[in-house]
Amino acid sequence: MWLVTKDGFYSVVQDRGDPDRLVVRGRWKKHLKVLKDLLPGSRILVTPEADYPYRMFVSREDWEKLLKVIGELSEKEVVAREIKEREDGR
């Protein structure tokens, strides 16, 4: 699956060696750093010879939690923007 947020573009696939784990791949380290900051204890691996030079291994459970957090953050940003637009329109 691909995930596109305001903070990055990610390619997410199942880990070939572990069906309970996902590989989150990115072309830019700064994009994965955003996810790393939301997942304490995670780390970014550098794979310069691969199609995506940066990777993180994440359990399916952690990925589900991460998506929920990303959704909640996005929702808060939308609400804040709408409030500001309404205030500016007075």
Protein backbone atom coordinates (compact mmCIF):
# COMPACT_ATOMS: atom_id res chain seq x y z
CA MET A 1 0.00 0.00 0.00
CA TRP A 2 1.04 3.58 -0.44
CA LEU A 3 0.44 6.21 2.19
CA VAL A 4 0.66 9.89 1.34
CA THR A 5 0.47 12.48 4.10
CA LYS A 6 1.50 16.10 4.39
CA ASP A 7 4.73 14.81 5.95
CA GLY A 8 5.74 12.18 3.44
CA PHE A 9 5.21 9.41 0.94
CA TYR A 10 5.51 5.80 2.11
CA SER A 11 5.39 2.38 0.52
CA VAL A 12 4.23 -0.32 2.92
CA VAL A 13 4.58 -4.04 2.23
CA GLN A 14 4.44 -7.23 4.25
CA ASP A 15 7.80 -8.43 5.53
CA ARG A 16 8.68 -11.56 3.54
CA GLY A 17 10.09 -13.26 6.62
CA ASP A 18 7.38 -12.37 9.14
CA PRO A 19 3.66 -12.17 8.29
CA ASP A 20 3.00 -10.12 11.44
CA ARG A 21 5.45 -7.39 10.43
CA LEU A 22 5.37 -4.69 7.77
CA VAL A 23 8.19 -2.89 5.98
CA VAL A 24 7.62 0.84 5.68
CA ARG A 25 9.82 2.17 2.90
CA GLY A 26 10.69 5.69 1.88
CA ARG A 27 12.92 7.54 -0.54
CA TRP A 28 13.71 10.30 1.95
CA LYS A 29 14.89 9.80 5.51
CA LYS A 30 13.06 12.89 6.77
CA HIS A 31 9.75 11.26 5.81
CA LEU A 32 10.48 8.14 7.86
CA LYS A 33 11.75 10.27 10.73
CA VAL A 34 8.23 11.63 11.14
CA LEU A 35 6.94 8.08 11.65
CA LYS A 36 9.87 7.15 13.88
CA ASP A 37 9.03 10.07 16.16
CA LEU A 38 5.47 8.70 16.48
CA LEU A 39 6.72 5.16 17.21
CA PRO A 40 9.11 5.19 20.15
CA GLY A 41 11.70 2.44 19.96
CA SER A 42 11.57 2.15 16.17
CA ARG A 43 14.60 2.73 13.99
CA ILE A 44 15.34 3.62 10.42
CA LEU A 45 17.53 1.30 8.37
CA VAL A 46 19.58 2.65 5.48
CA THR A 47 19.45 0.47 2.36
CA PRO A 48 21.21 2.55 -0.33
CA GLU A 49 21.21 -0.20 -2.97
CA ALA A 50 17.43 -0.79 -2.73
CA ASP A 51 14.67 1.00 -4.61
CA TYR A 52 13.69 2.69 -1.36
CA PRO A 53 16.86 3.67 0.52
CA TYR A 54 15.19 3.97 3.94
CA ARG A 55 13.13 1.35 5.78
CA MET A 56 11.43 0.67 9.07
CA PHE A 57 10.09 -2.64 10.31
CA VAL A 58 6.79 -2.24 12.13
CA SER A 59 4.39 -4.75 13.66
CA ARG A 60 0.91 -4.78 12.18
CA GLU A 61 -0.40 -3.72 15.58
CA ASP A 62 1.93 -0.70 15.71
CA TRP A 63 1.07 0.20 12.11
CA GLU A 64 -2.64 0.23 12.99
CA LYS A 65 -1.94 2.52 15.95
CA LEU A 66 0.24 4.75 13.80
CA LEU A 67 -2.47 5.15 11.15
CA LYS A 68 -4.94 6.12 13.87
CA VAL A 69 -2.58 8.78 15.22
CA ILE A 70 -1.91 10.15 11.72
CA GLY A 71 -5.66 10.34 11.11
CA GLU A 72 -6.28 12.13 14.39
CA LEU A 73 -3.50 14.64 13.71
CA SER A 74 -4.87 15.31 10.23
CA GLU A 75 -8.37 15.82 11.59
CA LYS A 76 -7.12 18.32 14.20
CA GLU A 77 -5.27 20.25 11.49
CA VAL A 78 -8.39 20.42 9.31
CA VAL A 79 -10.53 21.65 12.20
CA ALA A 80 -7.93 24.26 13.19
CA ARG A 81 -7.72 25.49 9.58
CA GLU A 82 -11.51 25.72 9.31
CA ILE A 83 -11.73 27.70 12.57
CA LYS A 84 -9.05 30.10 11.34
CA GLU A 85 -10.80 30.55 7.98
CA ARG A 86 -14.08 31.32 9.75
CA GLU A 87 -12.41 33.81 12.07
CA ASP A 88 -10.66 35.48 9.15
CA GLY A 89 -13.98 35.71 7.30
CA ARG A 90 -15.74 37.74 10.02
